[in-house]
N, C-alpha and C. Protein backbone atom coordinates (compact mmCIF):
# COMPACT_ATOMS: atom_id res chain seq x y z
N MET A 1 139.23 -253.21 95.32
CA MET A 1 139.03 -252.57 94.32
C MET A 1 138.89 -251.03 94.47
N ILE A 2 139.28 -250.58 93.00
CA ILE A 2 138.95 -249.27 92.77
C ILE A 2 137.80 -248.22 92.03
N SER A 3 136.63 -248.09 91.96
CA SER A 3 135.86 -247.84 91.12
C SER A 3 136.03 -246.05 90.84
N ARG A 4 135.78 -245.84 89.48
CA ARG A 4 135.25 -244.49 89.42
C ARG A 4 134.23 -244.15 88.51
N ILE A 5 133.72 -243.11 88.97
CA ILE A 5 132.33 -242.83 89.17
C ILE A 5 131.97 -241.67 88.05
N TRP A 6 131.55 -241.64 86.70
CA TRP A 6 131.81 -240.52 85.52
C TRP A 6 130.24 -240.32 85.98
N HIS A 7 129.69 -239.13 86.07
CA HIS A 7 128.36 -238.29 85.47
C HIS A 7 128.29 -238.20 84.11
N GLY A 8 127.49 -238.25 83.80
CA GLY A 8 126.97 -237.55 82.29
C GLY A 8 125.57 -237.36 82.26
N TRP A 9 125.47 -235.90 81.48
CA TRP A 9 123.86 -235.81 81.41
C TRP A 9 123.71 -235.82 80.27
N THR A 10 121.91 -235.57 79.79
CA THR A 10 121.27 -235.27 78.50
C THR A 10 119.92 -235.40 78.53
N ALA A 11 119.69 -234.54 77.76
CA ALA A 11 118.03 -233.85 77.61
C ALA A 11 117.57 -235.84 78.00
N PRO A 12 116.40 -235.92 78.56
CA PRO A 12 115.56 -237.17 78.40
C PRO A 12 115.55 -237.65 77.22
N ALA A 13 114.97 -236.08 76.23
CA ALA A 13 114.99 -237.28 74.58
C ALA A 13 115.88 -237.61 73.91
N ASN A 14 117.41 -237.40 74.39
CA ASN A 14 118.64 -238.31 73.68
C ASN A 14 119.03 -239.17 74.80
N ALA A 15 118.37 -239.39 76.11
CA ALA A 15 118.83 -240.21 76.49
C ALA A 15 118.86 -242.09 76.03
N ASP A 16 118.06 -242.03 75.14
CA ASP A 16 118.52 -243.46 74.77
C ASP A 16 119.55 -243.67 74.00
N ALA A 17 119.65 -242.61 72.49
CA ALA A 17 120.81 -242.65 71.97
C ALA A 17 122.14 -242.27 72.51
N TYR A 18 121.98 -241.57 73.38
CA TYR A 18 123.42 -241.23 75.10
C TYR A 18 123.72 -242.92 75.37
N VAL A 19 123.08 -243.76 75.63
CA VAL A 19 123.23 -244.58 76.15
C VAL A 19 123.80 -245.87 75.55
N SER A 20 122.88 -245.60 74.04
CA SER A 20 123.70 -246.41 72.76
C SER A 20 125.06 -245.85 72.33
N LEU A 21 125.47 -244.84 72.76
CA LEU A 21 126.78 -244.26 71.49
C LEU A 21 127.57 -244.66 72.85
N LEU A 22 127.41 -244.66 74.30
CA LEU A 22 128.48 -245.10 75.37
C LEU A 22 128.46 -246.81 75.06
N LYS A 23 127.97 -247.61 74.79
CA LYS A 23 127.18 -249.27 75.12
C LYS A 23 128.44 -249.48 73.49
N SER A 24 127.79 -248.67 72.50
CA SER A 24 128.25 -249.60 70.74
C SER A 24 129.63 -248.96 70.86
N GLU A 25 130.25 -247.72 71.55
CA GLU A 25 132.17 -247.12 71.04
C GLU A 25 132.21 -246.87 72.37
N ILE A 26 131.69 -245.99 73.47
CA ILE A 26 133.26 -245.36 74.24
C ILE A 26 133.32 -246.70 75.14
N PHE A 27 132.10 -247.50 75.64
CA PHE A 27 132.44 -248.59 76.50
C PHE A 27 133.77 -249.57 75.41
N VAL A 28 132.86 -249.56 74.28
CA VAL A 28 134.53 -250.68 73.88
C VAL A 28 135.18 -250.72 73.55
N GLY A 29 135.47 -249.16 73.16
CA GLY A 29 137.01 -248.19 72.80
C GLY A 29 137.94 -248.36 74.08
N ILE A 30 137.05 -248.19 75.11
CA ILE A 30 137.41 -248.29 76.60
C ILE A 30 137.90 -249.73 76.70
N GLN A 31 137.47 -250.93 76.56
CA GLN A 31 137.69 -252.29 76.79
C GLN A 31 138.72 -252.98 75.88
N ASN A 32 138.55 -252.33 74.53
CA ASN A 32 139.97 -252.32 73.33
C ASN A 32 141.43 -251.81 73.63
N ARG A 33 141.29 -251.39 74.28
CA ARG A 33 142.46 -251.15 75.17
C ARG A 33 142.89 -251.56 76.22
N ARG A 34 142.62 -252.71 76.23
CA ARG A 34 142.79 -253.53 77.47
C ARG A 34 143.88 -253.05 78.01
N ILE A 35 143.35 -252.71 79.00
CA ILE A 35 143.43 -251.55 80.03
C ILE A 35 143.56 -252.98 81.60
N THR A 36 145.14 -252.83 82.05
CA THR A 36 144.69 -254.09 83.46
C THR A 36 143.80 -253.49 84.35
N GLY A 37 143.77 -254.70 84.87
CA GLY A 37 143.14 -254.54 86.07
C GLY A 37 141.71 -254.32 85.97
N TYR A 38 141.01 -253.70 84.51
CA TYR A 38 140.22 -253.25 83.42
C TYR A 38 138.72 -254.49 83.78
N ARG A 39 137.78 -254.36 84.50
CA ARG A 39 136.88 -255.53 84.21
C ARG A 39 135.41 -255.10 83.66
N GLY A 40 135.34 -253.81 83.31
CA GLY A 40 133.68 -253.62 82.76
C GLY A 40 133.05 -252.31 82.81
N SER A 41 132.49 -252.00 82.33
CA SER A 41 131.70 -250.66 82.43
C SER A 41 130.16 -250.93 82.35
N GLN A 42 129.12 -250.27 83.50
CA GLN A 42 127.32 -250.02 82.86
C GLN A 42 127.44 -248.58 83.29
N THR A 43 125.73 -248.93 82.90
CA THR A 43 125.26 -246.85 83.29
C THR A 43 123.80 -247.59 84.17
N GLY A 44 123.33 -246.34 84.67
CA GLY A 44 122.25 -246.51 85.25
C GLY A 44 121.37 -245.25 85.25
N ASN A 45 120.49 -245.21 84.78
CA ASN A 45 119.53 -243.79 84.47
C ASN A 45 118.82 -243.89 85.34
N GLN A 46 118.94 -242.34 85.88
CA GLN A 46 117.83 -241.33 86.58
C GLN A 46 117.33 -240.68 85.71
N PRO A 47 115.95 -240.18 86.11
CA PRO A 47 114.98 -238.88 85.42
C PRO A 47 116.15 -237.65 85.09
N ALA A 48 115.98 -237.55 83.61
CA ALA A 48 116.55 -236.66 83.26
C ALA A 48 118.06 -236.36 83.11
N ARG A 49 118.35 -237.68 83.53
CA ARG A 49 119.79 -237.80 83.12
C ARG A 49 120.24 -239.24 83.12
N VAL A 50 121.48 -239.34 82.30
CA VAL A 50 121.75 -240.64 82.34
C VAL A 50 123.37 -240.70 83.32
N ARG A 51 123.64 -242.21 84.25
CA ARG A 51 124.16 -242.15 85.17
C ARG A 51 125.67 -243.16 84.26
N VAL A 52 126.91 -242.96 84.42
CA VAL A 52 127.34 -244.16 84.29
C VAL A 52 128.76 -244.54 85.01
N CYS A 53 129.06 -245.27 85.26
CA CYS A 53 130.06 -246.04 86.02
C CYS A 53 130.87 -246.73 85.53
N GLU A 54 132.17 -246.83 85.59
CA GLU A 54 133.25 -246.96 84.98
C GLU A 54 133.93 -248.19 86.33
N SER A 55 133.90 -249.67 86.19
CA SER A 55 134.28 -250.12 87.55
C SER A 55 136.13 -250.71 87.46
N THR A 56 137.27 -250.41 88.13
CA THR A 56 138.25 -251.08 87.62
C THR A 56 138.83 -252.00 89.18
N SER A 57 139.61 -252.70 88.82
CA SER A 57 140.58 -252.64 90.41
C SER A 57 141.93 -253.26 90.28
N ALA A 58 142.54 -252.89 91.04
CA ALA A 58 143.88 -252.66 90.72
C ALA A 58 144.59 -253.77 92.02
């Protein structure tokens, strides 16, 4: 399995909106590309930033 970690960050006041954008538009757009082996995306929050992990397998 190959896993890609992308680190994004935003101000704490914008964290909820940022996660909402990721889940409603960015992750959906990646999924709609039907990339072979793509298994999904997930987020994990840390204080003062949002952490994003994309998982794929080959």
